[in-house]
Amino acid sequence: MNLTISGHHLELTPAIREHVTNKLERIKRHFDHVIDIAVILTVDKLPEKEKRQKAEINLRLRGKDIHVESLGMDLYAAVDTLIDKLDRQVIKYKTKLQDHQHAAIKHLPEAEAPAA
């Protein structure tokens, strides 16, 4: 799994890097078939003063790309809400994969009992 963390209009400190990697452990725990993760942290000059910190992530899985973004007053809060959103989407994708793999078994005709 490749992890890329970049910052726009922001200097990435080791504390921010460590916080993001620790939060991404939750995603790896739920679904370990992740190919590539790209995290972009930005400080936007938005008119609303309360939502200037933006965190977004691109997660490449086999057969699907997931993009999530969140805004917040604090960069750490934006990362936390980002990981919550991403976790929900990864769990949803995982259940779809599991349901799809077992869907063929449901549609098999039932075996008839032998007549005695």
N, C-alpha and C. Protein backbone atom coordinates (compact mmCIF):
# COMPACT_ATOMS: atom_id res chain seq x y z
N MET A 1 0.84 -1.17 0.00
CA MET A 1 0.00 0.00 0.00
C MET A 1 0.89 1.24 0.00
N ASN A 2 0.62 2.14 -0.93
CA ASN A 2 1.36 3.38 -1.03
C ASN A 2 0.58 4.49 -0.34
N LEU A 3 1.25 5.23 0.52
CA LEU A 3 0.63 6.34 1.23
C LEU A 3 1.35 7.62 0.86
N THR A 4 0.58 8.61 0.36
CA THR A 4 1.13 9.91 0.01
C THR A 4 0.35 10.97 0.78
N ILE A 5 1.05 11.76 1.56
CA ILE A 5 0.43 12.85 2.31
C ILE A 5 1.07 14.14 1.81
N SER A 6 0.24 15.06 1.31
CA SER A 6 0.77 16.33 0.82
C SER A 6 -0.03 17.48 1.41
N GLY A 7 0.59 18.63 1.46
CA GLY A 7 -0.05 19.81 2.00
C GLY A 7 0.00 20.96 1.01
N HIS A 8 -1.11 21.66 0.89
CA HIS A 8 -1.19 22.84 0.02
C HIS A 8 -1.38 24.05 0.92
N HIS A 9 -0.51 25.02 0.77
CA HIS A 9 -0.51 26.23 1.60
C HIS A 9 -0.34 25.87 3.08
N LEU A 10 0.42 24.82 3.31
CA LEU A 10 0.55 24.29 4.66
C LEU A 10 1.86 23.51 4.75
N GLU A 11 2.56 23.66 5.85
CA GLU A 11 3.75 22.85 6.08
C GLU A 11 3.37 21.63 6.89
N LEU A 12 3.69 20.46 6.37
CA LEU A 12 3.35 19.22 7.06
C LEU A 12 4.36 18.97 8.17
N THR A 13 3.87 18.93 9.38
CA THR A 13 4.73 18.63 10.52
C THR A 13 4.69 17.13 10.79
N PRO A 14 5.67 16.61 11.49
CA PRO A 14 5.62 15.18 11.83
C PRO A 14 4.40 14.81 12.67
N ALA A 15 3.90 15.74 13.48
CA ALA A 15 2.72 15.46 14.29
C ALA A 15 1.48 15.26 13.41
N ILE A 16 1.33 16.09 12.39
CA ILE A 16 0.19 15.94 11.47
C ILE A 16 0.31 14.64 10.70
N ARG A 17 1.52 14.33 10.24
CA ARG A 17 1.75 13.08 9.51
C ARG A 17 1.41 11.86 10.37
N GLU A 18 1.86 11.90 11.61
CA GLU A 18 1.61 10.78 12.53
C GLU A 18 0.12 10.65 12.84
N HIS A 19 -0.58 11.77 13.00
CA HIS A 19 -2.01 11.74 13.27
C HIS A 19 -2.77 11.10 12.11
N VAL A 20 -2.42 11.45 10.89
CA VAL A 20 -3.09 10.89 9.71
C VAL A 20 -2.80 9.39 9.59
N THR A 21 -1.56 8.99 9.78
CA THR A 21 -1.24 7.57 9.66
C THR A 21 -1.89 6.75 10.76
N ASN A 22 -1.98 7.30 11.98
CA ASN A 22 -2.66 6.58 13.06
C ASN A 22 -4.14 6.42 12.77
N LYS A 23 -4.76 7.44 12.20
CA LYS A 23 -6.19 7.35 11.86
C LYS A 23 -6.42 6.38 10.71
N LEU A 24 -5.48 6.28 9.78
CA LEU A 24 -5.64 5.37 8.65
C LEU A 24 -5.51 3.91 9.06
N GLU A 25 -4.97 3.64 10.23
CA GLU A 25 -4.91 2.26 10.72
C GLU A 25 -6.31 1.67 10.87
N ARG A 26 -7.29 2.50 11.18
CA ARG A 26 -8.67 2.05 11.31
C ARG A 26 -9.21 1.54 9.98
N ILE A 27 -8.83 2.21 8.90
CA ILE A 27 -9.26 1.78 7.56
C ILE A 27 -8.59 0.46 7.20
N LYS A 28 -7.31 0.35 7.50
CA LYS A 28 -6.59 -0.89 7.20
C LYS A 28 -7.14 -2.07 7.99
N ARG A 29 -7.63 -1.79 9.19
CA ARG A 29 -8.18 -2.85 10.03
C ARG A 29 -9.48 -3.39 9.44
N HIS A 30 -10.29 -2.51 8.84
CA HIS A 30 -11.56 -2.94 8.25
C HIS A 30 -11.36 -3.60 6.89
N PHE A 31 -10.43 -3.08 6.10
CA PHE A 31 -10.27 -3.56 4.73
C PHE A 31 -8.81 -3.42 4.35
N ASP A 32 -8.15 -4.54 4.12
CA ASP A 32 -6.71 -4.49 3.89
C ASP A 32 -6.30 -4.62 2.43
N HIS A 33 -7.25 -4.57 1.49
CA HIS A 33 -6.92 -4.67 0.07
C HIS A 33 -6.80 -3.29 -0.56
N VAL A 34 -6.17 -2.37 0.12
CA VAL A 34 -6.00 -1.00 -0.36
C VAL A 34 -4.73 -0.95 -1.21
N ILE A 35 -4.85 -0.36 -2.40
CA ILE A 35 -3.71 -0.26 -3.30
C ILE A 35 -2.92 1.03 -3.04
N ASP A 36 -3.64 2.16 -2.98
CA ASP A 36 -2.97 3.45 -2.91
C ASP A 36 -3.83 4.42 -2.11
N ILE A 37 -3.20 5.25 -1.29
CA ILE A 37 -3.89 6.29 -0.53
C ILE A 37 -3.17 7.60 -0.79
N ALA A 38 -3.93 8.63 -1.18
CA ALA A 38 -3.38 9.97 -1.37
C ALA A 38 -4.17 10.94 -0.50
N VAL A 39 -3.52 11.55 0.47
CA VAL A 39 -4.15 12.50 1.39
C VAL A 39 -3.65 13.89 1.04
N ILE A 40 -4.58 14.84 0.89
CA ILE A 40 -4.23 16.22 0.59
C ILE A 40 -4.83 17.10 1.69
N LEU A 41 -3.98 17.83 2.37
CA LEU A 41 -4.41 18.74 3.43
C LEU A 41 -4.17 20.16 2.95
N THR A 42 -5.22 21.00 3.00
CA THR A 42 -5.08 22.37 2.50
C THR A 42 -5.64 23.37 3.50
N VAL A 43 -5.14 24.58 3.39
CA VAL A 43 -5.69 25.72 4.12
C VAL A 43 -6.27 26.63 3.05
N ASP A 44 -7.60 26.74 3.01
CA ASP A 44 -8.27 27.55 2.00
C ASP A 44 -8.58 28.93 2.55
N LYS A 45 -8.61 29.89 1.66
CA LYS A 45 -9.01 31.24 2.04
C LYS A 45 -10.47 31.41 1.65
N LEU A 46 -11.32 30.72 2.39
CA LEU A 46 -12.75 30.80 2.15
C LEU A 46 -13.33 32.02 2.84
N PRO A 47 -14.46 32.54 2.34
CA PRO A 47 -15.08 33.70 3.00
C PRO A 47 -15.54 33.38 4.42
N GLU A 48 -16.04 32.16 4.65
CA GLU A 48 -16.43 31.82 6.02
C GLU A 48 -15.18 31.50 6.81
N LYS A 49 -15.02 32.17 7.92
CA LYS A 49 -13.81 32.02 8.72
C LYS A 49 -13.78 30.68 9.45
N GLU A 50 -14.95 30.08 9.70
CA GLU A 50 -14.96 28.89 10.54
C GLU A 50 -14.53 27.63 9.80
N LYS A 51 -14.58 27.64 8.48
CA LYS A 51 -14.22 26.42 7.75
C LYS A 51 -13.10 26.72 6.76
N ARG A 52 -11.91 26.82 7.29
CA ARG A 52 -10.77 27.13 6.44
C ARG A 52 -9.88 25.93 6.20
N GLN A 53 -9.96 24.91 7.03
CA GLN A 53 -9.10 23.74 6.90
C GLN A 53 -9.83 22.67 6.10
N LYS A 54 -9.16 22.12 5.10
CA LYS A 54 -9.78 21.13 4.24
C LYS A 54 -8.88 19.90 4.17
N ALA A 55 -9.50 18.74 4.30
CA ALA A 55 -8.77 17.48 4.17
C ALA A 55 -9.51 16.63 3.15
N GLU A 56 -8.77 16.05 2.23
CA GLU A 56 -9.39 15.16 1.25
C GLU A 56 -8.50 13.95 1.03
N ILE A 57 -9.13 12.87 0.61
CA ILE A 57 -8.40 11.62 0.43
C ILE A 57 -8.92 10.91 -0.81
N ASN A 58 -8.00 10.31 -1.53
CA ASN A 58 -8.32 9.44 -2.66
C ASN A 58 -7.81 8.05 -2.30
N LEU A 59 -8.72 7.10 -2.27
CA LEU A 59 -8.39 5.74 -1.88
C LEU A 59 -8.62 4.84 -3.07
N ARG A 60 -7.57 4.17 -3.54
CA ARG A 60 -7.70 3.26 -4.68
C ARG A 60 -7.83 1.84 -4.15
N LEU A 61 -8.93 1.21 -4.52
CA LEU A 61 -9.16 -0.19 -4.20
C LEU A 61 -9.22 -0.96 -5.50
N ARG A 62 -9.26 -2.25 -5.41
CA ARG A 62 -9.36 -3.05 -6.62
C ARG A 62 -10.77 -2.88 -7.19
N GLY A 63 -10.85 -2.21 -8.34
CA GLY A 63 -12.13 -2.02 -8.99
C GLY A 63 -12.88 -0.77 -8.61
N LYS A 64 -12.34 0.05 -7.71
CA LYS A 64 -13.08 1.25 -7.28
C LYS A 64 -12.12 2.28 -6.72
N ASP A 65 -12.44 3.54 -6.97
CA ASP A 65 -11.73 4.66 -6.35
C ASP A 65 -12.72 5.39 -5.46
N ILE A 66 -12.30 5.70 -4.25
CA ILE A 66 -13.16 6.41 -3.29
C ILE A 66 -12.52 7.77 -3.02
N HIS A 67 -13.33 8.83 -3.16
CA HIS A 67 -12.87 10.18 -2.88
C HIS A 67 -13.75 10.77 -1.78
N VAL A 68 -13.11 11.28 -0.74
CA VAL A 68 -13.83 11.87 0.40
C VAL A 68 -13.13 13.17 0.75
N GLU A 69 -13.93 14.18 1.12
CA GLU A 69 -13.34 15.43 1.59
C GLU A 69 -14.17 15.98 2.74
N SER A 70 -13.51 16.75 3.60
CA SER A 70 -14.20 17.36 4.73
C SER A 70 -13.56 18.71 5.04
N LEU A 71 -14.37 19.59 5.59
CA LEU A 71 -13.94 20.93 5.98
C LEU A 71 -14.10 21.07 7.49
N GLY A 72 -13.25 21.88 8.08
CA GLY A 72 -13.37 22.10 9.52
C GLY A 72 -12.59 23.32 9.96
N MET A 73 -12.83 23.72 11.20
CA MET A 73 -12.10 24.86 11.76
C MET A 73 -10.66 24.47 12.07
N ASP A 74 -10.48 23.25 12.52
CA ASP A 74 -9.18 22.74 12.91
C ASP A 74 -8.78 21.63 11.95
N LEU A 75 -7.52 21.53 11.61
CA LEU A 75 -7.07 20.50 10.68
C LEU A 75 -7.25 19.11 11.27
N TYR A 76 -7.00 18.96 12.56
CA TYR A 76 -7.18 17.65 13.19
C TYR A 76 -8.64 17.23 13.19
N ALA A 77 -9.55 18.18 13.41
CA ALA A 77 -10.99 17.87 13.36
C ALA A 77 -11.41 17.49 11.94
N ALA A 78 -10.85 18.18 10.95
CA ALA A 78 -11.16 17.85 9.55
C ALA A 78 -10.68 16.45 9.21
N VAL A 79 -9.51 16.07 9.69
CA VAL A 79 -8.99 14.73 9.44
C VAL A 79 -9.86 13.69 10.13
N ASP A 80 -10.31 13.98 11.35
CA ASP A 80 -11.16 13.02 12.07
C ASP A 80 -12.48 12.79 11.35
N THR A 81 -13.13 13.85 10.88
CA THR A 81 -14.39 13.67 10.16
C THR A 81 -14.15 13.00 8.81
N LEU A 82 -13.00 13.29 8.20
CA LEU A 82 -12.64 12.64 6.94
C LEU A 82 -12.52 11.13 7.12
N ILE A 83 -11.85 10.71 8.16
CA ILE A 83 -11.67 9.27 8.41
C ILE A 83 -12.99 8.61 8.74
N ASP A 84 -13.87 9.31 9.47
CA ASP A 84 -15.20 8.75 9.76
C ASP A 84 -15.99 8.51 8.48
N LYS A 85 -15.97 9.49 7.58
CA LYS A 85 -16.68 9.35 6.30
C LYS A 85 -16.07 8.22 5.47
N LEU A 86 -14.76 8.18 5.43
CA LEU A 86 -14.07 7.16 4.64
C LEU A 86 -14.34 5.77 5.20
N ASP A 87 -14.37 5.66 6.51
CA ASP A 87 -14.64 4.38 7.15
C ASP A 87 -16.01 3.85 6.77
N ARG A 88 -17.00 4.74 6.78
CA ARG A 88 -18.36 4.32 6.39
C ARG A 88 -18.39 3.85 4.94
N GLN A 89 -17.70 4.55 4.04
CA GLN A 89 -17.70 4.17 2.63
C GLN A 89 -16.95 2.86 2.40
N VAL A 90 -15.86 2.65 3.11
CA VAL A 90 -15.10 1.41 2.94
C VAL A 90 -15.90 0.22 3.47
N ILE A 91 -16.58 0.38 4.59
CA ILE A 91 -17.42 -0.70 5.12
C ILE A 91 -18.55 -1.00 4.15
N LYS A 92 -19.15 0.03 3.56
CA LYS A 92 -20.21 -0.16 2.58
C LYS A 92 -19.70 -0.92 1.36
N TYR A 93 -18.52 -0.56 0.88
CA TYR A 93 -17.92 -1.25 -0.26
C TYR A 93 -17.61 -2.71 0.08
N LYS A 94 -17.11 -2.93 1.28
CA LYS A 94 -16.76 -4.29 1.70
C LYS A 94 -18.00 -5.18 1.79
N THR A 95 -19.09 -4.64 2.33
CA THR A 95 -20.32 -5.44 2.41
C THR A 95 -20.90 -5.71 1.03
N LYS A 96 -20.77 -4.76 0.11
CA LYS A 96 -21.23 -5.01 -1.26
C LYS A 96 -20.43 -6.13 -1.90
N LEU A 97 -19.12 -6.14 -1.68
CA LEU A 97 -18.29 -7.21 -2.22
C LEU A 97 -18.68 -8.55 -1.64
N GLN A 98 -18.89 -8.60 -0.34
CA GLN A 98 -19.23 -9.87 0.31
C GLN A 98 -20.61 -10.35 -0.12
N ASP A 99 -21.57 -9.45 -0.24
CA ASP A 99 -22.91 -9.83 -0.66
C ASP A 99 -22.92 -10.30 -2.10
N HIS A 100 -22.12 -9.68 -2.93
CA HIS A 100 -22.08 -10.04 -4.34
C HIS A 100 -21.46 -11.43 -4.54
N GLN A 101 -20.49 -11.75 -3.73
CA GLN A 101 -19.84 -13.05 -3.87
C GLN A 101 -20.76 -14.18 -3.46
N HIS A 102 -21.68 -13.93 -2.53
CA HIS A 102 -22.59 -14.97 -2.06
C HIS A 102 -23.95 -14.93 -2.75
N ALA A 103 -24.15 -14.00 -3.65
CA ALA A 103 -25.44 -13.87 -4.31
C ALA A 103 -25.73 -15.07 -5.20
N ALA A 104 -24.74 -15.66 -5.80
CA ALA A 104 -24.97 -16.78 -6.71
C ALA A 104 -25.46 -18.01 -5.95
N ILE A 105 -25.05 -18.19 -4.72
CA ILE A 105 -25.49 -19.34 -3.94
C ILE A 105 -26.98 -19.24 -3.63
N LYS A 106 -27.49 -18.04 -3.43
CA LYS A 106 -28.90 -17.86 -3.11
C LYS A 106 -29.81 -18.27 -4.27
N HIS A 107 -29.33 -18.12 -5.47
CA HIS A 107 -30.16 -18.37 -6.64
C HIS A 107 -30.06 -19.79 -7.19
N LEU A 108 -29.28 -20.63 -6.54
CA LEU A 108 -29.19 -22.01 -6.98
C LEU A 108 -30.49 -22.74 -6.67
N PRO A 109 -30.94 -23.61 -7.55
CA PRO A 109 -32.17 -24.37 -7.23
C PRO A 109 -31.91 -25.32 -6.06
N GLU A 110 -32.93 -25.50 -5.27
CA GLU A 110 -32.79 -26.36 -4.10
C GLU A 110 -32.73 -27.82 -4.57
N ALA A 111 -31.89 -28.59 -3.89
CA ALA A 111 -31.77 -30.00 -4.23
C ALA A 111 -33.01 -30.73 -3.74
N GLU A 112 -33.56 -31.54 -4.60
CA GLU A 112 -34.77 -32.28 -4.23
C GLU A 112 -34.38 -33.44 -3.32
N ALA A 113 -35.22 -33.69 -2.35
CA ALA A 113 -34.96 -34.79 -1.44
C ALA A 113 -35.27 -36.11 -2.15
N PRO A 114 -34.43 -37.13 -1.98
CA PRO A 114 -34.71 -38.42 -2.65
C PRO A 114 -35.97 -39.09 -2.06
N ALA A 115 -36.78 -39.63 -2.94
CA ALA A 115 -38.02 -40.29 -2.51
C ALA A 115 -37.68 -41.66 -1.96
N ALA A 116 -38.24 -41.99 -0.80
CA ALA A 116 -37.93 -43.28 -0.18
C ALA A 116 -39.09 -44.22 -0.23
